[in-house]
Amino acid sequence: MSLACALAALGTNTFAQTIRVANQGDALSMDPHSLSESLQFSLTGNVYEPLVGRNKDLSLAPALATSWKQTSPTVWRFELRKGVQFHDGTPFTADDVLFSFARAAGEGSDMKSYVNDFKEVRKINDFTVEIETLQPFPILPDVISLVYMMSKKWCEANQAVRPVDRRKGIENAASFRANGTGPFRLRERQPNVRTSFTRNGSYWGKIESNASDIIFTPIANDATRVAALLSGEIDVMEPVPVQDIARVNAGANTRVATGPELRTIFLGMDQKRDELLYSSVKGKNPFKDKRVRQAFYQAIDIEGIKTTVMRGASSPTALMVGPGINGFLPEQNKRLPYDVDAAKKLMADAGYGAGFEVAMNCPNDRYVNDARICQAVAANLAKINVKINLQAETKGTYFPKVLRRDTSFYLLGWTPSTYDAHNALNALMACVDDKGAGQFNLGAYCNPKVDELTKKIQSETDKTKRNAMIKEAFDIHTADIGHLPLHQQALAWGISKKVSLVQLADNFMPFKWMSIK
């Protein structure tokens, strides 16, 4: 997109208290149950709300529930906020809660792993609900903090009872329209062009923002996005390319807010199929051999990627979670050494000394320098005679493809929404089942012992025992080379000096905490 086109997309009908936000990509839908992805949650979370939300320090906060408590080891009771209305004026009640959790658990939902251990959600009265789980679930309030509530009445009236299924390309009214309870209302949705929001004048809570309107614009081109910020045509943007941080900080009216991000970037491999979908190897699957997985791991020059691709703005990791996530242990975070000769020997021992070809799927507009990371990995693997056929594409086509497991080798990023290791274990490392466990374990890694530990971790209330089990599960996954962890990327938001906001380590951008002079 050219600068002229990008800025034209911002529109001219702006007000004194309009904040213009740009990102390298767009949310793929306004449906809050259609994609478990941070930008999707961040954008739709200004319109929709969960029962339990987050404070500015990411601690739990009352949202559509005013309080919650365990009435037994497997039952949580939530008292709902009274007097809340959806944006169309419909009152929010327990019926909407039951409907929303059922929708999140249903066909087409990308939120199944958040509710896969629910036994029943029941209505006690119009403003009290209980969630019964299959086993004790002490972190349940954390887990549901990203399950947004929808209006049962609106979804039924608009044929949006089921979520938009991004894997199958199925759309419905919830793709382009929205009816939440949040501090901002969706005013206009033009996918990949612009999405505008207007302040909800009947919001139940305090909006710590003076913005009457927010205009969100995807600007994929890094240089165009930076130019728009420096010229004052936009007020907030992310990510700032690592090579442009100094330039934005030197701008007369701009600054960069940086900080550690909780997201881990990693590579996954199809370890289930007997023959890879996209490989020159026929009749067998080289990724089923741990020696091949380890060879790939040790052939990747992660420090080189940190220096040349990330310009120092990354922290190489050996684990699938990073600092700031409960269960992370620094002593476990030791990568296997980068060693091309050792990797070549492992490939030869596995019978692939001559190498092979394999396709690699990668987004080019989702994570910091995502396509360049994949290019660097491809160059590294060429040293062990592996030819990578790189397929880098916009996340609009990338996510539907990999989420339906139409991939042999892929790059993904993950921020545990609960800020707890159980989330990564359950979503990324658990054996895949039809209830939502392993929903984002796209290469179908499976170790029954990790599964057994994950279930125990979910129900264990003794923190010392629980953390010991997390350590054991990570040790097993690491020994298996279940995935190839790469790094945690750093946050870099470009901000006009006229704007004040709150930068969160999960990379969410709540409009209710954003103001402009």
Protein backbone atom coordinates (compact mmCIF):
# COMPACT_ATOMS: atom_id res chain seq x y z
CA MET A 1 0.00 0.00 0.00
CA SER A 2 1.37 3.43 -0.94
CA LEU A 3 1.48 6.23 1.60
CA ALA A 4 -1.22 8.13 -0.30
CA CYS A 5 -3.55 5.13 -0.35
CA ALA A 6 -2.90 4.29 3.27
CA LEU A 7 -3.64 7.81 4.40
CA ALA A 8 -6.69 8.12 2.19
CA ALA A 9 -7.97 5.02 3.94
CA LEU A 10 -7.77 6.88 7.23
CA GLY A 11 -10.52 9.16 6.00
CA THR A 12 -11.08 12.87 6.44
CA ASN A 13 -14.11 12.83 8.72
CA THR A 14 -12.09 13.05 11.91
CA PHE A 15 -12.75 14.97 15.10
CA ALA A 16 -10.64 16.81 17.66
CA GLN A 17 -10.68 13.73 19.84
CA THR A 18 -10.07 11.09 17.20
CA ILE A 19 -7.10 8.77 17.71
CA ARG A 20 -5.74 7.07 14.60
CA VAL A 21 -4.09 3.69 15.15
CA ALA A 22 -2.20 1.61 12.59
CA ASN A 23 -0.90 -1.95 12.63
CA GLN A 24 0.97 -4.08 10.11
CA GLY A 25 -2.06 -6.39 9.89
CA ASP A 26 -5.78 -6.47 10.51
CA ALA A 27 -8.07 -8.55 12.67
CA LEU A 28 -9.47 -11.28 10.44
CA SER A 29 -13.02 -10.90 11.74
CA MET A 30 -15.11 -9.03 14.28
CA ASP A 31 -16.32 -12.38 15.61
CA PRO A 32 -14.67 -12.74 19.05
CA HIS A 33 -14.73 -16.55 18.91
CA SER A 34 -13.32 -16.96 15.39
CA LEU A 35 -9.56 -16.70 15.96
CA SER A 36 -7.40 -17.09 19.05
CA GLU A 37 -4.85 -14.45 18.14
CA SER A 38 -3.61 -11.42 20.06
CA LEU A 39 -4.47 -8.71 17.53
CA GLN A 40 -7.94 -10.24 17.15
CA PHE A 41 -8.43 -10.22 20.94
CA SER A 42 -6.96 -6.73 21.27
CA LEU A 43 -9.22 -5.15 18.66
CA THR A 44 -12.47 -6.98 19.46
CA GLY A 45 -11.79 -6.59 23.19
CA ASN A 46 -12.65 -2.90 22.87
CA VAL A 47 -16.17 -3.88 21.77
CA TYR A 48 -16.77 -7.14 23.63
CA GLU A 49 -15.95 -8.05 27.22
CA PRO A 50 -15.32 -11.21 29.31
CA LEU A 51 -16.70 -12.02 32.74
CA VAL A 52 -13.23 -11.51 34.22
CA GLY A 53 -10.92 -8.88 32.75
CA ARG A 54 -7.46 -7.46 33.42
CA ASN A 55 -6.08 -4.44 35.22
CA LYS A 56 -3.21 -2.35 33.87
CA ASP A 57 -0.74 -4.68 35.63
CA LEU A 58 -2.48 -7.72 34.03
CA SER A 59 -3.94 -8.86 37.37
CA LEU A 60 -7.53 -10.09 37.30
CA ALA A 61 -10.28 -7.47 37.43
CA PRO A 62 -14.07 -7.64 37.60
CA ALA A 63 -15.65 -7.08 34.19
CA LEU A 64 -19.09 -8.48 33.37
CA ALA A 65 -18.85 -10.45 36.61
CA THR A 66 -18.51 -8.40 39.79
CA SER A 67 -17.25 -11.33 41.88
CA TRP A 68 -16.47 -15.04 41.70
CA LYS A 69 -15.71 -17.84 44.11
CA GLN A 70 -15.29 -21.59 44.27
CA THR A 71 -18.26 -23.28 45.94
CA SER A 72 -16.62 -26.70 45.57
CA PRO A 73 -13.37 -27.97 44.00
CA THR A 74 -15.09 -28.29 40.60
CA VAL A 75 -17.63 -25.43 40.74
CA TRP A 76 -17.09 -21.70 40.28
CA ARG A 77 -19.93 -19.23 40.92
CA PHE A 78 -19.99 -15.84 39.17
CA GLU A 79 -22.15 -12.90 40.19
CA LEU A 80 -22.98 -10.89 37.08
CA ARG A 81 -22.96 -7.12 36.79
CA LYS A 82 -26.47 -5.66 36.77
CA GLY A 83 -27.63 -2.81 34.56
CA VAL A 84 -25.27 -3.63 31.68
CA GLN A 85 -26.61 -3.22 28.15
CA PHE A 86 -25.34 -4.45 24.82
CA HIS A 87 -24.77 -1.71 22.27
CA ASP A 88 -28.26 -2.27 20.81
CA GLY A 89 -29.84 -1.67 24.22
CA THR A 90 -30.53 -5.32 25.06
CA PRO A 91 -29.86 -6.10 28.74
CA PHE A 92 -26.98 -8.45 29.56
CA THR A 93 -28.08 -11.49 31.60
CA ALA A 94 -27.09 -15.05 32.48
CA ASP A 95 -28.70 -16.30 29.26
CA ASP A 96 -26.02 -14.47 27.26
CA VAL A 97 -23.30 -16.10 29.38
CA LEU A 98 -24.63 -19.62 28.81
CA PHE A 99 -25.02 -18.88 25.09
CA SER A 100 -21.50 -17.39 24.76
CA PHE A 101 -19.72 -20.29 26.45
CA ALA A 102 -21.68 -22.80 24.35
CA ARG A 103 -20.79 -20.84 21.20
CA ALA A 104 -17.10 -20.77 22.22
CA ALA A 105 -17.18 -24.55 22.64
CA GLY A 106 -19.07 -25.20 19.40
CA GLU A 107 -18.37 -25.98 15.78
CA GLY A 108 -16.07 -23.50 14.05
CA SER A 109 -14.86 -21.90 17.28
CA ASP A 110 -11.18 -21.15 17.78
CA MET A 111 -11.78 -20.89 21.53
CA LYS A 112 -12.38 -24.57 22.33
CA SER A 113 -9.12 -24.97 24.25
CA TYR A 114 -10.34 -22.32 26.72
CA VAL A 115 -13.47 -24.27 27.64
CA ASN A 116 -12.55 -27.89 26.86
CA ASP A 117 -12.74 -28.97 30.52
CA PHE A 118 -16.17 -27.50 31.22
CA LYS A 119 -18.77 -30.05 32.27
CA GLU A 120 -21.69 -27.64 32.50
CA VAL A 121 -22.47 -23.92 32.58
CA ARG A 122 -25.73 -23.34 34.42
CA LYS A 123 -27.97 -20.43 35.28
CA ILE A 124 -28.82 -19.96 38.95
CA ASN A 125 -30.81 -16.78 38.30
CA ASP A 126 -30.63 -13.89 35.82
CA PHE A 127 -27.43 -12.58 37.40
CA THR A 128 -25.73 -15.67 38.77
CA VAL A 129 -24.08 -18.50 36.83
CA GLU A 130 -22.05 -21.52 37.80
CA ILE A 131 -19.34 -23.25 35.79
CA GLU A 132 -18.76 -26.87 36.71
CA THR A 133 -15.54 -28.43 35.44
CA LEU A 134 -14.59 -32.05 34.89
CA GLN A 135 -11.87 -31.76 37.53
CA PRO A 136 -10.66 -29.05 39.93
CA PHE A 137 -9.67 -25.95 37.96
CA PRO A 138 -8.07 -23.31 40.23
CA ILE A 139 -7.04 -21.00 37.37
CA LEU A 140 -10.44 -20.95 35.64
CA PRO A 141 -10.98 -17.16 36.10
CA ASP A 142 -7.65 -16.57 34.31
CA VAL A 143 -8.57 -18.96 31.51
CA ILE A 144 -11.90 -17.29 30.68
CA SER A 145 -10.47 -13.76 30.60
CA LEU A 146 -10.44 -13.89 26.78
CA VAL A 147 -13.82 -15.57 26.26
CA TYR A 148 -15.91 -12.57 25.27
CA MET A 149 -19.66 -12.41 25.91
CA MET A 150 -22.09 -12.02 23.00
CA SER A 151 -25.80 -11.23 22.88
CA LYS A 152 -27.88 -14.38 22.47
CA LYS A 153 -30.76 -12.35 21.05
CA TRP A 154 -28.56 -10.53 18.51
CA CYS A 155 -26.77 -13.68 17.35
CA GLU A 156 -30.07 -15.52 16.86
CA ALA A 157 -31.63 -12.58 14.99
CA ASN A 158 -28.58 -12.25 12.72
CA GLN A 159 -27.94 -15.94 12.01
CA ALA A 160 -24.63 -15.79 13.89
CA VAL A 161 -25.29 -18.52 16.45
CA ARG A 162 -22.16 -20.36 15.30
CA PRO A 163 -18.76 -18.69 15.13
CA VAL A 164 -17.16 -17.65 11.88
CA ASP A 165 -15.00 -20.61 10.82
CA ARG A 166 -11.79 -19.18 9.42
CA ARG A 167 -10.52 -22.64 8.47
CA LYS A 168 -13.39 -23.12 6.03
CA GLY A 169 -13.72 -19.52 4.89
CA ILE A 170 -17.25 -19.31 6.28
CA GLU A 171 -18.49 -15.80 7.16
CA ASN A 172 -21.63 -14.51 8.88
CA ALA A 173 -23.00 -11.25 10.29
CA ALA A 174 -20.52 -11.37 13.19
CA SER A 175 -17.65 -11.06 10.69
CA PHE A 176 -18.50 -7.47 9.83
CA ARG A 177 -20.85 -6.26 12.57
CA ALA A 178 -20.60 -6.33 16.35
CA ASN A 179 -22.87 -5.91 19.35
CA GLY A 180 -20.90 -6.03 22.58
CA THR A 181 -20.98 -4.37 25.98
CA GLY A 182 -17.56 -2.72 25.74
CA PRO A 183 -16.39 0.90 26.00
CA PHE A 184 -16.36 1.37 22.22
CA ARG A 185 -18.91 0.47 19.56
CA LEU A 186 -18.05 -0.73 16.07
CA ARG A 187 -19.10 1.99 13.65
CA GLU A 188 -17.69 0.81 10.34
CA ARG A 189 -15.80 -2.28 9.20
CA GLN A 190 -13.86 -2.42 5.93
CA PRO A 191 -11.58 -5.49 6.17
CA ASN A 192 -7.94 -4.70 5.38
CA VAL A 193 -8.84 -1.03 4.78
CA ARG A 194 -10.13 0.54 7.99
CA THR A 195 -12.23 -0.17 11.05
CA SER A 196 -13.71 2.71 13.01
CA PHE A 197 -14.99 2.72 16.56
CA THR A 198 -17.00 5.29 18.47
CA ARG A 199 -17.27 5.84 22.21
CA ASN A 200 -20.06 3.94 24.00
CA GLY A 201 -21.95 6.69 25.80
CA SER A 202 -23.92 4.18 27.89
CA TYR A 203 -20.92 2.14 29.06
CA TRP A 204 -21.32 0.71 32.54
CA GLY A 205 -17.77 1.55 33.66
CA LYS A 206 -15.23 4.33 33.54
CA ILE A 207 -13.54 5.10 30.22
CA GLU A 208 -10.13 6.61 30.98
CA SER A 209 -9.93 8.18 27.53
CA ASN A 210 -10.98 11.43 25.94
CA ALA A 211 -11.33 9.86 22.50
CA SER A 212 -14.71 10.11 20.82
CA ASP A 213 -13.55 7.95 17.93
CA ILE A 214 -10.78 5.51 17.10
CA ILE A 215 -9.81 4.76 13.51
CA PHE A 216 -7.79 1.57 13.04
CA THR A 217 -5.92 1.12 9.76
CA PRO A 218 -3.79 -1.81 8.63
CA ILE A 219 -0.65 -0.54 6.87
CA ALA A 220 1.43 -3.56 5.89
CA ASN A 221 4.46 -1.73 4.52
CA ASP A 222 6.91 -0.85 7.30
CA ALA A 223 8.25 2.29 5.64
CA THR A 224 4.74 3.57 4.90
CA ARG A 225 3.63 2.98 8.48
CA VAL A 226 6.66 4.81 9.93
CA ALA A 227 6.25 7.70 7.48
CA ALA A 228 2.60 8.08 8.46
CA LEU A 229 3.56 8.33 12.14
CA LEU A 230 6.40 10.78 11.56
CA SER A 231 4.18 13.01 9.41
CA GLY A 232 1.42 13.04 12.03
CA GLU A 233 -1.13 11.28 9.85
CA ILE A 234 -1.49 8.54 12.48
CA ASP A 235 -1.09 8.78 16.24
CA VAL A 236 -0.15 5.24 17.31
CA MET A 237 1.37 2.33 15.41
CA GLU A 238 2.85 -1.07 16.02
CA PRO A 239 5.19 -2.66 15.49
CA VAL A 240 7.95 -0.15 14.88
CA PRO A 241 10.51 -2.00 12.73
CA VAL A 242 13.62 -2.57 14.84
CA GLN A 243 15.74 -0.68 12.33
CA ASP A 244 13.51 2.43 12.70
CA ILE A 245 13.31 2.70 16.50
CA ALA A 246 16.09 5.30 16.74
CA ARG A 247 14.55 7.32 13.89
CA VAL A 248 11.11 7.41 15.52
CA ASN A 249 12.63 8.35 18.88
CA ALA A 250 14.48 11.18 17.15
CA GLY A 251 11.26 12.56 15.64
CA ALA A 252 10.17 15.96 16.92
CA ASN A 253 6.69 14.69 17.81
CA THR A 254 7.12 10.92 18.18
CA ARG A 255 8.52 8.36 20.59
CA VAL A 256 8.81 4.59 20.88
CA ALA A 257 7.48 2.65 23.86
CA THR A 258 9.46 -0.56 24.22
CA GLY A 259 9.29 -3.45 26.64
CA PRO A 260 9.44 -7.22 26.92
CA GLU A 261 6.61 -9.18 25.32
CA LEU A 262 5.22 -12.41 26.70
CA ARG A 263 4.97 -13.97 23.23
CA THR A 264 7.24 -16.86 22.21
CA ILE A 265 8.04 -17.40 18.53
CA PHE A 266 8.63 -21.03 17.57
CA LEU A 267 8.67 -23.54 14.72
CA GLY A 268 6.41 -26.57 14.55
CA MET A 269 6.65 -29.76 12.48
CA ASP A 270 4.08 -32.31 11.35
CA GLN A 271 4.89 -35.34 13.50
CA LYS A 272 1.67 -37.29 12.85
CA ARG A 273 1.28 -38.05 9.15
CA ASP A 274 3.11 -41.09 7.83
CA GLU A 275 4.13 -38.97 4.83
CA LEU A 276 4.50 -35.20 4.87
CA LEU A 277 2.11 -33.26 2.66
CA TYR A 278 4.81 -31.00 1.26
CA SER A 279 8.17 -32.77 1.08
CA SER A 280 10.44 -34.59 -1.34
CA VAL A 281 10.52 -37.58 1.05
CA LYS A 282 7.96 -40.18 0.02
CA GLY A 283 6.62 -43.06 2.07
CA LYS A 284 7.79 -41.76 5.43
CA ASN A 285 7.90 -38.65 7.60
CA PRO A 286 11.38 -37.43 8.58
CA PHE A 287 9.94 -35.27 11.39
CA LYS A 288 8.89 -38.40 13.26
CA ASP A 289 12.60 -38.98 13.87
CA LYS A 290 13.88 -37.01 16.84
CA ARG A 291 17.34 -36.87 15.25
CA VAL A 292 15.94 -34.84 12.35
CA ARG A 293 14.10 -32.48 14.67
CA GLN A 294 17.27 -32.01 16.73
CA ALA A 295 19.33 -31.47 13.58
CA PHE A 296 16.99 -28.65 12.53
CA TYR A 297 17.23 -27.15 16.02
CA GLN A 298 21.05 -27.21 16.12
CA ALA A 299 21.36 -25.90 12.56
CA ILE A 300 19.49 -22.68 13.42
CA ASP A 301 21.83 -19.83 14.34
CA ILE A 302 19.53 -18.11 16.82
CA GLU A 303 22.18 -15.59 17.92
CA GLY A 304 22.71 -14.70 14.27
CA ILE A 305 18.97 -14.14 13.88
CA LYS A 306 18.98 -11.97 17.01
CA THR A 307 21.83 -9.85 15.65
CA THR A 308 21.05 -9.55 11.95
CA VAL A 309 17.27 -9.94 11.74
CA MET A 310 16.03 -8.69 15.12
CA ARG A 311 18.81 -6.10 15.66
CA GLY A 312 19.10 -7.23 19.27
CA ALA A 313 15.37 -6.89 20.01
CA SER A 314 14.79 -10.54 20.89
CA SER A 315 15.63 -13.00 23.65
CA PRO A 316 16.57 -16.49 22.39
CA THR A 317 14.68 -19.19 24.24
CA ALA A 318 14.76 -22.93 24.86
CA LEU A 319 11.22 -23.02 26.24
CA MET A 320 7.72 -22.50 24.85
CA VAL A 321 7.06 -19.80 27.46
CA GLY A 322 9.16 -16.86 28.53
CA PRO A 323 9.87 -14.71 31.58
CA GLY A 324 6.68 -13.32 33.10
CA ILE A 325 4.77 -16.57 32.63
CA ASN A 326 4.12 -18.64 35.76
CA GLY A 327 6.15 -21.86 35.49
CA PHE A 328 9.07 -20.31 33.58
CA LEU A 329 12.38 -21.35 35.14
CA PRO A 330 15.59 -19.61 34.03
CA GLU A 331 17.63 -22.76 34.71
CA GLN A 332 15.54 -24.66 32.14
CA ASN A 333 16.02 -21.97 29.52
CA LYS A 334 19.21 -23.38 28.01
CA ARG A 335 19.22 -23.99 24.27
CA LEU A 336 21.05 -26.80 22.56
CA PRO A 337 24.23 -25.36 21.01
CA TYR A 338 24.26 -24.09 17.45
CA ASP A 339 26.42 -26.76 15.80
CA VAL A 340 26.20 -27.39 12.07
CA ASP A 341 28.57 -30.38 12.17
CA ALA A 342 26.53 -32.06 14.92
CA ALA A 343 23.36 -31.34 12.92
CA LYS A 344 24.88 -32.92 9.78
CA LYS A 345 25.80 -36.03 11.75
CA LEU A 346 22.28 -36.32 13.17
CA MET A 347 20.84 -36.04 9.64
CA ALA A 348 23.24 -38.71 8.37
CA ASP A 349 22.46 -41.02 11.30
CA ALA A 350 18.77 -40.64 10.51
CA GLY A 351 19.37 -41.54 6.87
CA TYR A 352 19.03 -38.04 5.46
CA GLY A 353 22.66 -37.11 4.92
CA ALA A 354 21.80 -35.92 1.41
CA GLY A 355 19.02 -33.75 2.84
CA PHE A 356 15.49 -33.26 1.49
CA GLU A 357 13.05 -30.56 0.45
CA VAL A 358 10.17 -29.38 2.62
CA ALA A 359 7.73 -26.48 2.41
CA MET A 360 7.66 -23.97 5.26
CA ASN A 361 4.63 -21.79 6.02
CA CYS A 362 5.20 -18.35 7.46
CA PRO A 363 3.17 -15.14 7.87
CA ASN A 364 4.67 -11.91 6.57
CA ASP A 365 2.52 -9.43 8.51
CA ARG A 366 1.93 -10.88 11.96
CA TYR A 367 5.10 -11.04 14.08
CA VAL A 368 8.16 -8.82 14.18
CA ASN A 369 10.24 -9.61 11.07
CA ASP A 370 8.38 -12.92 10.65
CA ALA A 371 9.19 -13.51 6.98
CA ARG A 372 12.82 -12.48 7.50
CA ILE A 373 13.13 -14.94 10.39
CA CYS A 374 11.88 -17.70 8.09
CA GLN A 375 14.32 -16.65 5.36
CA ALA A 376 17.18 -16.83 7.87
CA VAL A 377 16.03 -20.28 9.05
CA ALA A 378 15.90 -21.44 5.43
CA ALA A 379 19.46 -20.22 4.86
CA ASN A 380 20.62 -21.99 8.04
CA LEU A 381 18.99 -25.28 7.06
CA ALA A 382 20.57 -25.15 3.62
CA LYS A 383 23.87 -25.84 5.42
CA ILE A 384 22.58 -29.32 6.32
CA ASN A 385 21.30 -29.93 2.78
CA VAL A 386 17.66 -29.13 3.57
CA LYS A 387 15.98 -27.08 0.87
CA ILE A 388 13.16 -24.96 2.30
CA ASN A 389 10.39 -23.99 -0.09
CA LEU A 390 9.30 -20.88 1.77
CA GLN A 391 5.65 -19.87 1.53
CA ALA A 392 5.37 -16.46 3.21
CA GLU A 393 1.92 -14.89 2.97
CA THR A 394 -0.46 -12.49 4.65
CA LYS A 395 -1.99 -13.80 7.86
CA GLY A 396 -5.41 -13.61 6.18
CA THR A 397 -4.53 -16.72 4.18
CA TYR A 398 -1.75 -18.08 6.42
CA PHE A 399 -3.82 -18.68 9.56
CA PRO A 400 -6.73 -20.51 7.88
CA LYS A 401 -4.20 -22.76 6.14
CA VAL A 402 -2.11 -23.76 9.15
CA LEU A 403 -5.07 -23.94 11.53
CA ARG A 404 -6.59 -26.67 9.38
CA ARG A 405 -3.19 -28.41 9.63
CA ASP A 406 -2.51 -28.04 5.92
CA THR A 407 1.20 -27.68 6.64
CA SER A 408 4.40 -29.66 7.16
CA PHE A 409 6.60 -27.02 8.81
CA TYR A 410 5.45 -23.66 10.14
CA LEU A 411 6.25 -20.61 12.27
CA LEU A 412 3.88 -19.48 15.01
CA GLY A 413 3.85 -17.12 17.99
CA TRP A 414 2.02 -17.69 21.27
CA THR A 415 1.25 -15.56 24.31
CA PRO A 416 -0.33 -17.60 27.13
CA SER A 417 -3.56 -15.70 27.78
CA THR A 418 -3.62 -16.85 31.40
CA TYR A 419 0.03 -15.83 31.95
CA ASP A 420 0.46 -19.41 33.14
CA ALA A 421 2.35 -22.33 31.58
CA HIS A 422 -0.78 -24.52 31.63
CA ASN A 423 -2.18 -22.49 28.73
CA ALA A 424 0.79 -23.31 26.48
CA LEU A 425 0.82 -26.96 27.58
CA ASN A 426 -2.91 -27.39 26.91
CA ALA A 427 -3.06 -25.49 23.63
CA LEU A 428 0.35 -26.16 22.03
CA MET A 429 1.73 -29.40 23.49
CA ALA A 430 -1.22 -31.57 24.52
CA CYS A 431 -2.20 -34.50 22.33
CA VAL A 432 -4.92 -33.31 19.97
CA ASP A 433 -8.49 -34.31 20.86
CA ASP A 434 -11.93 -33.25 19.62
CA LYS A 435 -12.70 -31.20 22.74
CA GLY A 436 -10.07 -28.53 22.20
CA ALA A 437 -6.92 -29.88 23.85
CA GLY A 438 -3.95 -29.33 21.53
CA GLN A 439 -6.07 -27.05 19.34
CA PHE A 440 -2.96 -25.12 18.27
CA ASN A 441 -0.63 -28.12 18.34
CA LEU A 442 -0.63 -27.95 14.56
CA GLY A 443 2.06 -30.58 14.08
CA ALA A 444 0.27 -33.02 16.44
CA TYR A 445 3.20 -33.61 18.80
CA CYS A 446 2.00 -36.14 21.38
CA ASN A 447 3.48 -37.57 24.56
CA PRO A 448 0.97 -39.22 26.96
CA LYS A 449 3.13 -38.31 29.95
CA VAL A 450 2.95 -34.60 29.05
CA ASP A 451 -0.82 -35.00 28.71
CA GLU A 452 -1.09 -36.65 32.10
CA LEU A 453 0.97 -33.88 33.71
CA THR A 454 -1.03 -31.14 31.95
CA LYS A 455 -4.28 -32.49 33.43
CA LYS A 456 -2.71 -32.68 36.90
CA ILE A 457 -1.27 -29.16 36.56
CA GLN A 458 -4.76 -27.88 35.77
CA SER A 459 -6.25 -29.21 38.99
CA GLU A 460 -3.30 -28.96 41.43
CA THR A 461 -3.74 -26.25 44.08
CA ASP A 462 -0.38 -26.69 45.84
CA LYS A 463 1.87 -24.21 44.04
CA THR A 464 5.13 -26.05 44.81
CA LYS A 465 3.79 -29.37 43.51
CA ARG A 466 2.23 -27.64 40.52
CA ASN A 467 5.43 -25.87 39.49
CA ALA A 468 7.38 -29.13 39.86
CA MET A 469 4.94 -30.77 37.43
CA ILE A 470 5.27 -27.87 34.98
CA LYS A 471 9.05 -28.30 35.12
CA GLU A 472 8.73 -32.04 34.46
CA ALA A 473 6.39 -31.49 31.51
CA PHE A 474 8.75 -28.94 29.96
CA ASP A 475 11.73 -31.26 30.52
CA ILE A 476 9.94 -34.03 28.62
CA HIS A 477 8.90 -31.74 25.77
CA THR A 478 12.42 -30.34 25.53
CA ALA A 479 13.95 -33.84 25.48
CA ASP A 480 11.48 -34.85 22.75
CA ILE A 481 12.34 -31.74 20.66
CA GLY A 482 8.57 -31.38 20.44
CA HIS A 483 8.88 -27.93 18.85
CA LEU A 484 11.75 -25.61 17.92
CA PRO A 485 11.49 -22.55 20.21
CA LEU A 486 13.21 -19.48 18.79
CA HIS A 487 12.81 -16.29 20.86
CA GLN A 488 10.61 -13.81 22.66
CA GLN A 489 10.28 -10.65 20.58
CA ALA A 490 10.30 -7.16 22.11
CA LEU A 491 7.40 -4.71 22.00
CA ALA A 492 7.91 -1.48 20.06
CA TRP A 493 4.98 0.91 19.69
CA GLY A 494 5.35 4.21 17.87
CA ILE A 495 3.39 6.96 19.62
CA SER A 496 2.70 10.62 18.98
CA LYS A 497 3.89 12.75 21.88
CA LYS A 498 0.27 14.02 22.05
CA VAL A 499 -0.94 10.55 23.07
CA SER A 500 -0.87 8.85 26.46
CA LEU A 501 -1.60 5.14 26.71
CA VAL A 502 -0.83 1.94 28.62
CA GLN A 503 1.52 -0.60 27.04
CA LEU A 504 0.76 -4.14 28.18
CA ALA A 505 3.21 -7.06 27.98
CA ASP A 506 0.61 -9.14 26.10
CA ASN A 507 0.63 -6.52 23.29
CA PHE A 508 -3.05 -5.67 23.77
CA MET A 509 -4.01 -2.05 23.13
CA PRO A 510 -7.12 -1.07 25.14
CA PHE A 511 -8.64 2.12 23.72
CA LYS A 512 -10.23 2.93 27.10
CA TRP A 513 -6.74 3.77 28.46
CA MET A 514 -5.70 5.94 25.51
CA SER A 515 -6.02 9.75 25.34
CA ILE A 516 -4.86 12.55 23.06
CA LYS A 517 -4.02 16.20 23.77
